[in-house]
Amino acid sequence: RTLAPQILSSCMPQNHGGLWEFPGGKVEEGESDQEALIREIKEELDVEIEVGKQLSSAIDGRIELCCYRARIVSGEINLREHSEKRWVALQELDSLPVPPADVPAVQALQAQL
């Protein structure tokens, strides 16, 4: 059985807009994108991941959002910074309210359908 790829989206608390975003964050000085994603996911979701190929890259103003295929290799998701998580199909991403900076990334991912 083949499973359709799903995207993890996490909801920011209401006091931060209650919008849905991709887990991850800023790349620190000296880090690769992949190293930053591993660190950020551990901090935000308390799981270890393996990062695969880059799926898309989109720029909105001064923010570049790179999306990567990743899989959880250990741990269970424990939300540390978000109020909710949801696994969604790629074509369902535009049904979630997202921050403006995430819109180009959602469009880039959906263009791959």
N, C-alpha and C. Protein backbone atom coordinates (compact mmCIF):
# COMPACT_ATOMS: atom_id res chain seq x y z
N ARG A 1 0.85 -1.19 0.00
CA ARG A 1 0.00 0.00 0.00
C ARG A 1 0.89 1.24 0.00
N THR A 2 0.61 2.17 -0.86
CA THR A 2 1.35 3.41 -0.93
C THR A 2 0.56 4.51 -0.25
N LEU A 3 1.20 5.22 0.64
CA LEU A 3 0.54 6.33 1.34
C LEU A 3 0.87 7.63 0.65
N ALA A 4 -0.14 8.49 0.53
CA ALA A 4 0.08 9.81 -0.05
C ALA A 4 0.95 10.62 0.89
N PRO A 5 1.89 11.38 0.36
CA PRO A 5 2.72 12.23 1.23
C PRO A 5 1.85 13.21 2.00
N GLN A 6 2.22 13.45 3.24
CA GLN A 6 1.51 14.40 4.06
C GLN A 6 2.47 15.43 4.61
N ILE A 7 1.94 16.60 4.88
CA ILE A 7 2.72 17.72 5.38
C ILE A 7 2.30 17.96 6.82
N LEU A 8 3.26 18.14 7.70
CA LEU A 8 2.96 18.49 9.08
C LEU A 8 2.83 20.00 9.17
N SER A 9 1.71 20.43 9.71
CA SER A 9 1.50 21.85 9.95
C SER A 9 1.20 22.01 11.43
N SER A 10 1.68 23.07 12.01
CA SER A 10 1.44 23.29 13.43
C SER A 10 0.82 24.66 13.63
N CYS A 11 -0.08 24.73 14.58
CA CYS A 11 -0.83 25.95 14.82
C CYS A 11 -0.19 26.75 15.94
N MET A 12 0.04 28.03 15.66
CA MET A 12 0.58 28.91 16.69
C MET A 12 -0.52 29.22 17.70
N PRO A 13 -0.17 29.45 18.95
CA PRO A 13 -1.18 29.81 19.93
C PRO A 13 -1.96 31.05 19.49
N GLN A 14 -3.19 31.18 19.99
CA GLN A 14 -4.06 32.29 19.61
C GLN A 14 -3.40 33.65 19.86
N ASN A 15 -2.60 33.75 20.92
CA ASN A 15 -1.96 35.04 21.19
C ASN A 15 -0.87 35.37 20.17
N HIS A 16 -0.58 34.44 19.26
CA HIS A 16 0.35 34.69 18.15
C HIS A 16 -0.37 34.55 16.81
N GLY A 17 -1.67 34.74 16.81
CA GLY A 17 -2.43 34.76 15.57
C GLY A 17 -3.20 33.50 15.24
N GLY A 18 -2.88 32.38 15.89
CA GLY A 18 -3.59 31.13 15.61
C GLY A 18 -3.43 30.64 14.18
N LEU A 19 -2.39 31.08 13.49
CA LEU A 19 -2.17 30.66 12.11
C LEU A 19 -1.39 29.34 12.07
N TRP A 20 -1.51 28.63 10.97
CA TRP A 20 -0.80 27.38 10.77
C TRP A 20 0.51 27.66 10.05
N GLU A 21 1.57 26.99 10.46
CA GLU A 21 2.87 27.19 9.84
C GLU A 21 3.60 25.87 9.71
N PHE A 22 4.64 25.90 8.90
CA PHE A 22 5.51 24.73 8.80
C PHE A 22 6.44 24.73 10.00
N PRO A 23 6.61 23.59 10.66
CA PRO A 23 7.60 23.55 11.75
C PRO A 23 8.99 23.85 11.20
N GLY A 24 9.81 24.45 12.00
CA GLY A 24 11.16 24.82 11.58
C GLY A 24 11.46 26.23 12.03
N GLY A 25 12.52 26.80 11.53
CA GLY A 25 12.86 28.15 11.95
C GLY A 25 14.10 28.67 11.28
N LYS A 26 14.71 29.64 11.92
CA LYS A 26 15.84 30.35 11.35
C LYS A 26 17.12 29.52 11.36
N VAL A 27 17.90 29.71 10.31
CA VAL A 27 19.22 29.10 10.22
C VAL A 27 20.19 29.99 10.98
N GLU A 28 20.89 29.40 11.94
CA GLU A 28 21.87 30.14 12.73
C GLU A 28 23.20 30.21 11.98
N GLU A 29 24.02 31.16 12.37
CA GLU A 29 25.36 31.33 11.78
C GLU A 29 26.12 30.00 11.83
N GLY A 30 26.65 29.59 10.69
CA GLY A 30 27.46 28.38 10.62
C GLY A 30 26.66 27.09 10.43
N GLU A 31 25.33 27.17 10.40
CA GLU A 31 24.49 25.98 10.22
C GLU A 31 24.10 25.83 8.75
N SER A 32 23.92 24.60 8.33
CA SER A 32 23.30 24.35 7.03
C SER A 32 21.78 24.38 7.24
N ASP A 33 21.03 24.46 6.16
CA ASP A 33 19.57 24.39 6.27
C ASP A 33 19.15 23.12 7.00
N GLN A 34 19.77 22.02 6.63
CA GLN A 34 19.41 20.72 7.20
C GLN A 34 19.71 20.68 8.70
N GLU A 35 20.86 21.19 9.11
CA GLU A 35 21.21 21.21 10.54
C GLU A 35 20.23 22.08 11.32
N ALA A 36 19.85 23.21 10.73
CA ALA A 36 18.89 24.09 11.39
C ALA A 36 17.54 23.41 11.54
N LEU A 37 17.11 22.70 10.51
CA LEU A 37 15.81 22.02 10.57
C LEU A 37 15.82 20.94 11.65
N ILE A 38 16.88 20.18 11.73
CA ILE A 38 17.00 19.14 12.76
C ILE A 38 16.92 19.78 14.15
N ARG A 39 17.66 20.86 14.36
CA ARG A 39 17.67 21.54 15.65
C ARG A 39 16.29 22.13 15.98
N GLU A 40 15.71 22.83 15.03
CA GLU A 40 14.42 23.48 15.26
C GLU A 40 13.30 22.46 15.54
N ILE A 41 13.29 21.36 14.82
CA ILE A 41 12.26 20.34 15.04
C ILE A 41 12.42 19.72 16.42
N LYS A 42 13.65 19.50 16.84
CA LYS A 42 13.89 18.98 18.19
C LYS A 42 13.37 19.97 19.23
N GLU A 43 13.65 21.26 19.02
CA GLU A 43 13.21 22.29 19.97
C GLU A 43 11.69 22.44 19.99
N GLU A 44 11.06 22.42 18.81
CA GLU A 44 9.62 22.67 18.71
C GLU A 44 8.76 21.44 18.96
N LEU A 45 9.22 20.28 18.49
CA LEU A 45 8.38 19.08 18.50
C LEU A 45 8.94 17.91 19.31
N ASP A 46 10.17 18.05 19.82
CA ASP A 46 10.79 17.03 20.66
C ASP A 46 10.98 15.69 19.96
N VAL A 47 11.27 15.71 18.66
CA VAL A 47 11.56 14.49 17.92
C VAL A 47 12.85 14.66 17.13
N GLU A 48 13.46 13.53 16.82
CA GLU A 48 14.65 13.51 15.97
C GLU A 48 14.17 13.21 14.55
N ILE A 49 14.71 13.94 13.58
CA ILE A 49 14.33 13.71 12.19
C ILE A 49 15.54 13.43 11.33
N GLU A 50 15.26 12.85 10.18
CA GLU A 50 16.23 12.68 9.12
C GLU A 50 15.75 13.56 7.97
N VAL A 51 16.60 14.44 7.49
CA VAL A 51 16.21 15.37 6.45
C VAL A 51 16.57 14.80 5.08
N GLY A 52 15.60 14.83 4.18
CA GLY A 52 15.79 14.35 2.82
C GLY A 52 15.99 15.49 1.84
N LYS A 53 15.50 15.30 0.63
CA LYS A 53 15.72 16.29 -0.42
C LYS A 53 14.87 17.54 -0.22
N GLN A 54 15.38 18.63 -0.76
CA GLN A 54 14.64 19.89 -0.72
C GLN A 54 13.48 19.79 -1.70
N LEU A 55 12.28 20.18 -1.24
CA LEU A 55 11.09 20.12 -2.08
C LEU A 55 10.79 21.45 -2.76
N SER A 56 11.04 22.54 -2.07
CA SER A 56 10.76 23.84 -2.66
C SER A 56 11.52 24.91 -1.90
N SER A 57 11.58 26.07 -2.53
CA SER A 57 12.16 27.25 -1.91
C SER A 57 11.35 28.43 -2.42
N ALA A 58 10.92 29.28 -1.50
CA ALA A 58 10.12 30.44 -1.90
C ALA A 58 10.55 31.64 -1.07
N ILE A 59 10.54 32.80 -1.71
CA ILE A 59 10.96 34.03 -1.03
C ILE A 59 9.78 34.98 -0.95
N ASP A 60 9.57 35.51 0.24
CA ASP A 60 8.55 36.53 0.46
C ASP A 60 9.24 37.69 1.18
N GLY A 61 9.55 38.72 0.43
CA GLY A 61 10.27 39.85 1.04
C GLY A 61 11.65 39.42 1.47
N ARG A 62 11.91 39.50 2.76
CA ARG A 62 13.24 39.16 3.28
C ARG A 62 13.31 37.73 3.83
N ILE A 63 12.21 36.97 3.72
CA ILE A 63 12.17 35.61 4.25
C ILE A 63 12.24 34.60 3.12
N GLU A 64 13.23 33.69 3.20
CA GLU A 64 13.29 32.57 2.28
C GLU A 64 12.86 31.33 3.06
N LEU A 65 11.84 30.66 2.57
CA LEU A 65 11.33 29.46 3.23
C LEU A 65 11.64 28.26 2.35
N CYS A 66 12.51 27.38 2.85
CA CYS A 66 12.88 26.17 2.13
C CYS A 66 12.16 24.99 2.78
N CYS A 67 11.51 24.18 1.97
CA CYS A 67 10.79 23.01 2.47
C CYS A 67 11.55 21.75 2.08
N TYR A 68 11.69 20.86 3.05
CA TYR A 68 12.42 19.62 2.85
C TYR A 68 11.55 18.43 3.20
N ARG A 69 11.81 17.33 2.51
CA ARG A 69 11.21 16.06 2.91
C ARG A 69 11.95 15.63 4.17
N ALA A 70 11.23 15.15 5.16
CA ALA A 70 11.86 14.68 6.39
C ALA A 70 11.02 13.56 6.99
N ARG A 71 11.66 12.75 7.81
CA ARG A 71 10.91 11.70 8.50
C ARG A 71 11.38 11.64 9.93
N ILE A 72 10.45 11.30 10.79
CA ILE A 72 10.76 11.15 12.21
C ILE A 72 11.50 9.84 12.39
N VAL A 73 12.67 9.90 13.04
CA VAL A 73 13.44 8.67 13.27
C VAL A 73 13.39 8.23 14.73
N SER A 74 13.05 9.16 15.64
CA SER A 74 12.86 8.74 17.03
C SER A 74 12.02 9.78 17.77
N GLY A 75 11.26 9.25 18.72
CA GLY A 75 10.44 10.10 19.57
C GLY A 75 9.01 10.21 19.08
N GLU A 76 8.18 10.78 19.92
CA GLU A 76 6.79 11.07 19.62
C GLU A 76 6.63 12.58 19.67
N ILE A 77 5.83 13.13 18.77
CA ILE A 77 5.65 14.58 18.73
C ILE A 77 5.08 15.08 20.05
N ASN A 78 5.78 16.04 20.62
CA ASN A 78 5.37 16.72 21.85
C ASN A 78 5.43 18.21 21.53
N LEU A 79 4.27 18.85 21.41
CA LEU A 79 4.24 20.27 21.03
C LEU A 79 4.80 21.12 22.16
N ARG A 80 5.88 21.83 21.87
CA ARG A 80 6.51 22.69 22.87
C ARG A 80 6.19 24.16 22.64
N GLU A 81 5.90 24.54 21.40
CA GLU A 81 5.66 25.95 21.07
C GLU A 81 4.33 26.19 20.38
N HIS A 82 3.65 25.14 19.98
CA HIS A 82 2.42 25.26 19.21
C HIS A 82 1.24 24.69 20.00
N SER A 83 0.04 25.10 19.61
CA SER A 83 -1.15 24.65 20.32
C SER A 83 -1.79 23.41 19.71
N GLU A 84 -1.45 23.10 18.46
CA GLU A 84 -2.08 21.99 17.76
C GLU A 84 -1.19 21.57 16.60
N LYS A 85 -1.32 20.31 16.19
CA LYS A 85 -0.62 19.82 15.00
C LYS A 85 -1.63 19.11 14.12
N ARG A 86 -1.33 19.07 12.85
CA ARG A 86 -2.21 18.39 11.91
C ARG A 86 -1.40 17.90 10.73
N TRP A 87 -1.62 16.63 10.34
CA TRP A 87 -1.04 16.10 9.13
C TRP A 87 -2.05 16.35 8.02
N VAL A 88 -1.64 17.00 6.96
CA VAL A 88 -2.55 17.32 5.86
C VAL A 88 -1.95 16.91 4.53
N ALA A 89 -2.83 16.57 3.59
CA ALA A 89 -2.40 16.27 2.24
C ALA A 89 -1.97 17.57 1.57
N LEU A 90 -1.07 17.48 0.63
CA LEU A 90 -0.54 18.65 -0.05
C LEU A 90 -1.65 19.53 -0.63
N GLN A 91 -2.66 18.90 -1.24
CA GLN A 91 -3.73 19.68 -1.86
C GLN A 91 -4.64 20.35 -0.83
N GLU A 92 -4.54 19.99 0.44
CA GLU A 92 -5.36 20.59 1.49
C GLU A 92 -4.67 21.77 2.18
N LEU A 93 -3.41 22.01 1.87
CA LEU A 93 -2.66 23.07 2.56
C LEU A 93 -3.33 24.43 2.47
N ASP A 94 -3.91 24.75 1.32
CA ASP A 94 -4.49 26.08 1.17
C ASP A 94 -5.79 26.25 1.94
N SER A 95 -6.27 25.20 2.60
CA SER A 95 -7.48 25.32 3.43
C SER A 95 -7.13 25.82 4.83
N LEU A 96 -5.84 25.89 5.15
CA LEU A 96 -5.41 26.35 6.47
C LEU A 96 -4.94 27.80 6.39
N PRO A 97 -5.33 28.64 7.35
CA PRO A 97 -4.81 30.01 7.36
C PRO A 97 -3.34 30.00 7.76
N VAL A 98 -2.50 30.57 6.90
CA VAL A 98 -1.05 30.57 7.14
C VAL A 98 -0.52 32.00 7.17
N PRO A 99 0.64 32.20 7.80
CA PRO A 99 1.26 33.54 7.77
C PRO A 99 1.57 33.93 6.32
N PRO A 100 1.55 35.22 6.02
CA PRO A 100 1.84 35.67 4.65
C PRO A 100 3.16 35.13 4.09
N ALA A 101 4.17 35.02 4.92
CA ALA A 101 5.47 34.54 4.45
C ALA A 101 5.43 33.08 4.00
N ASP A 102 4.43 32.31 4.46
CA ASP A 102 4.33 30.90 4.08
C ASP A 102 3.56 30.69 2.78
N VAL A 103 2.80 31.69 2.33
CA VAL A 103 1.96 31.53 1.14
C VAL A 103 2.77 31.14 -0.09
N PRO A 104 3.91 31.80 -0.40
CA PRO A 104 4.68 31.37 -1.59
C PRO A 104 5.17 29.91 -1.48
N ALA A 105 5.50 29.46 -0.28
CA ALA A 105 5.95 28.08 -0.10
C ALA A 105 4.80 27.10 -0.35
N VAL A 106 3.61 27.42 0.16
CA VAL A 106 2.44 26.58 -0.08
C VAL A 106 2.18 26.50 -1.58
N GLN A 107 2.24 27.63 -2.28
CA GLN A 107 2.00 27.64 -3.72
C GLN A 107 3.07 26.85 -4.46
N ALA A 108 4.33 26.95 -4.05
CA ALA A 108 5.41 26.21 -4.69
C ALA A 108 5.23 24.71 -4.50
N LEU A 109 4.84 24.30 -3.30
CA LEU A 109 4.61 22.89 -3.04
C LEU A 109 3.44 22.37 -3.87
N GLN A 110 2.35 23.13 -3.92
CA GLN A 110 1.17 22.69 -4.65
C GLN A 110 1.41 22.67 -6.15
N ALA A 111 2.32 23.48 -6.64
CA ALA A 111 2.64 23.49 -8.07
C ALA A 111 3.27 22.16 -8.49
N GLN A 112 3.74 21.38 -7.54
CA GLN A 112 4.37 20.10 -7.83
C GLN A 112 3.35 18.98 -8.00
N LEU A 113 2.07 19.26 -7.71
CA LEU A 113 1.02 18.23 -7.83
C LEU A 113 0.87 17.76 -9.25
